[in-house]
Protein backbone atom coordinates (compact mmCIF):
# COMPACT_ATOMS: atom_id res chain seq x y z
CA MET A 1 -45.25 17.14 5.05
CA LYS A 2 -43.77 17.29 8.57
CA LYS A 3 -42.34 13.79 8.09
CA LEU A 4 -40.72 14.83 4.80
CA CYS A 5 -39.16 17.95 6.40
CA LYS A 6 -37.92 15.92 9.38
CA PHE A 7 -36.47 13.29 7.01
CA SER A 8 -34.75 16.03 4.95
CA VAL A 9 -33.15 17.51 8.08
CA ILE A 10 -31.97 14.07 9.23
CA LEU A 11 -30.63 13.28 5.75
CA ALA A 12 -28.79 16.61 5.54
CA ALA A 13 -27.31 16.15 9.01
CA GLY A 14 -26.23 12.63 8.09
CA LEU A 15 -24.52 13.85 4.93
CA ILE A 16 -22.69 16.60 6.82
CA ILE A 17 -21.47 14.10 9.42
CA ALA A 18 -20.41 11.60 6.72
CA LEU A 19 -18.51 14.26 4.81
CA SER A 20 -16.84 15.40 8.01
CA PHE A 21 -15.59 11.88 8.72
CA THR A 22 -14.37 11.53 5.16
CA SER A 23 -12.32 14.70 5.28
CA CYS A 24 -10.96 13.86 8.72
CA GLY A 25 -9.92 10.43 7.45
CA LYS A 26 -7.98 10.32 4.20
CA GLY A 27 -7.70 14.09 3.74
CA ALA A 28 -6.11 14.51 7.16
CA LEU A 29 -3.44 12.02 6.12
CA ASN A 30 -2.39 13.94 3.00
CA GLY A 31 1.28 14.87 3.11
CA THR A 32 4.62 13.26 3.88
CA TRP A 33 5.21 11.07 6.92
CA VAL A 34 8.79 10.27 7.97
CA SER A 35 10.50 7.62 10.10
CA GLY A 36 14.30 7.67 9.89
CA ASN A 37 15.25 7.13 6.22
CA GLU A 38 11.74 6.05 5.24
CA SER A 39 8.95 8.29 4.04
CA ILE A 40 5.34 7.75 3.08
CA THR A 41 3.71 10.31 0.83
CA MET A 42 -0.08 10.13 1.03
CA LYS A 43 -2.73 11.84 -1.03
CA ASN A 44 -6.44 11.06 -1.17
CA GLY A 45 -6.24 7.30 -0.69
CA VAL A 46 -2.98 6.69 -2.59
CA PHE A 47 0.49 6.33 -1.07
CA THR A 48 4.14 5.92 -2.08
CA VAL A 49 6.77 4.58 0.31
CA THR A 50 10.42 5.44 -0.21
CA ALA A 51 12.80 3.32 1.85
CA GLU A 52 16.31 1.86 1.68
CA GLU A 53 14.79 -1.40 0.46
CA GLY A 54 13.04 0.29 -2.45
CA GLU A 55 9.87 2.09 -3.40
CA PHE A 56 6.31 0.85 -3.01
CA LYS A 57 2.95 2.22 -4.17
CA GLY A 58 -0.58 1.40 -3.19
CA LYS A 59 -3.86 2.51 -1.74
CA TYR A 60 -4.93 3.15 1.80
CA THR A 61 -8.26 3.18 3.57
CA THR A 62 -9.29 4.41 6.98
CA SER A 63 -11.89 3.03 9.32
CA GLY A 64 -13.22 3.83 12.72
CA LYS A 65 -11.72 6.76 14.56
CA ASP A 66 -8.03 6.16 13.84
CA ASN A 67 -7.42 2.90 11.94
CA ILE A 68 -5.56 2.73 8.63
CA SER A 69 -4.89 -0.09 6.19
CA LEU A 70 -2.25 0.23 3.45
CA THR A 71 -2.30 -2.22 0.53
CA ILE A 72 0.90 -2.44 -1.50
CA GLU A 73 0.04 -2.82 -5.18
CA GLU A 74 3.29 -1.97 -6.98
CA VAL A 75 6.97 -2.38 -6.18
CA ARG A 76 9.81 -0.66 -7.98
CA GLY A 77 12.27 -3.07 -9.58
CA ASP A 78 15.33 -1.89 -7.68
CA LEU A 79 14.24 -4.32 -4.98
CA PHE A 80 14.74 -7.16 -7.50
CA SER A 81 17.61 -5.79 -9.62
CA VAL A 82 20.05 -8.38 -8.23
CA MET A 83 17.99 -10.94 -10.14
CA GLY A 84 18.49 -9.06 -13.39
CA LEU A 85 15.15 -7.26 -13.46
CA PRO A 86 15.07 -3.60 -14.52
CA SER A 87 15.50 -1.34 -11.51
CA ASN A 88 13.39 1.51 -12.91
CA LYS A 89 10.27 -0.52 -13.72
CA TRP A 90 7.24 -0.79 -11.44
CA PHE A 91 5.89 -4.32 -10.89
CA THR A 92 2.50 -5.55 -9.75
CA GLU A 93 2.36 -9.00 -8.18
CA ASP A 94 1.30 -10.55 -11.51
CA SER A 95 3.84 -8.65 -13.63
CA LEU A 96 6.64 -9.57 -11.19
CA LYS A 97 5.75 -13.26 -11.44
CA LYS A 98 5.72 -13.01 -15.24
CA ALA A 99 9.07 -11.19 -15.31
CA ILE A 100 10.67 -13.84 -13.08
CA ILE A 101 9.26 -16.67 -15.20
CA ASP A 102 10.49 -14.92 -18.37
CA LEU A 103 13.93 -14.60 -16.76
CA LEU A 104 13.94 -18.33 -15.95
CA VAL A 105 13.05 -19.07 -19.57
CA GLU A 106 16.03 -16.93 -20.65
CA PHE A 107 18.19 -19.17 -18.42
CA GLY A 108 17.00 -22.25 -20.32
CA PHE A 109 13.85 -23.38 -18.54
CA SER A 110 10.81 -24.21 -20.65
CA ALA A 111 7.78 -22.03 -19.88
CA ALA A 112 6.12 -24.93 -18.02
CA GLU A 113 9.29 -25.70 -16.04
CA ALA A 114 9.74 -22.03 -15.16
CA GLU A 115 6.14 -21.77 -13.93
CA GLN A 116 6.52 -24.95 -11.88
CA PHE A 117 9.85 -23.79 -10.44
CA TYR A 118 8.34 -20.42 -9.50
CA ASN A 119 5.38 -22.10 -7.79
CA GLU A 120 7.54 -24.59 -5.88
CA GLU A 121 10.52 -22.43 -4.90
CA PRO A 122 9.83 -20.96 -1.43
CA ASP A 123 12.16 -17.97 -1.92
CA LEU A 124 10.34 -16.95 -5.11
CA ARG A 125 6.89 -17.40 -3.58
CA GLU A 126 8.00 -15.44 -0.53
CA MET A 127 8.73 -12.41 -2.72
CA SER A 128 5.01 -12.00 -3.29
CA THR A 129 4.57 -11.23 0.42
CA VAL A 130 5.79 -7.71 -0.35
CA PHE A 131 2.35 -7.21 -1.93
CA SER A 132 0.49 -7.22 1.32
CA SER A 133 -1.79 -5.16 3.49
CA LEU A 134 -0.38 -3.37 6.50
CA THR A 135 -2.45 -1.98 9.32
CA GLY A 136 -1.96 0.71 11.89
CA THR A 137 -3.34 3.72 13.67
CA TYR A 138 -2.93 7.46 13.23
CA THR A 139 -3.47 10.81 14.85
CA LYS A 140 -3.12 14.18 13.15
CA ASP A 141 0.69 14.06 13.41
CA THR A 142 1.70 10.45 14.22
CA MET A 143 1.09 7.23 12.32
CA LYS A 144 2.06 3.77 13.62
CA ILE A 145 2.22 0.99 11.01
CA ASN A 146 2.54 -2.71 11.82
CA THR A 147 4.96 -4.21 9.29
CA PHE A 148 5.03 -7.98 9.80
CA GLY A 149 5.06 -7.65 13.58
CA ASP A 150 7.28 -4.56 13.84
CA ILE A 151 5.66 -1.23 14.66
CA THR A 152 7.15 1.75 12.82
CA GLU A 153 6.19 5.24 13.98
CA TYR A 154 6.01 8.00 11.37
CA LYS A 155 5.75 11.72 12.06
CA LYS A 156 3.88 14.04 9.71
CA GLN A 157 6.08 16.71 8.15
CA LYS A 158 4.81 20.24 8.37
């Protein structure tokens, strides 16, 4: 019986500690973070970036004491509107590839030629790099994100 009571106390303490870390992680990041004309709105593991280049959505995770990883899953079409894609539509990596291939077919490519062109054209393949994971660190009021070698510092809005 003593072992069971001791185990219950350890289990309860472990759960309290785990829940504390969880709320200090993602929950502490909830809100809007700003750097110049860019903002990141975060809520419970989901984020939206609004920047001059366009809008991005995705999920974020935290690890350790202060590490964060943001994975971009959707990009708003205004980033690709110069190609003739709708600016108000959200694209995943797969739906963007399909939309570009469909556009190439509209320009006279066969479906097979369009797919091959997409796969061989470096500029088109490079567009998929927007769907990437970014890493950084955070405190309660500052977040630093590494974007392809550049560190951007965001301040939490109060």
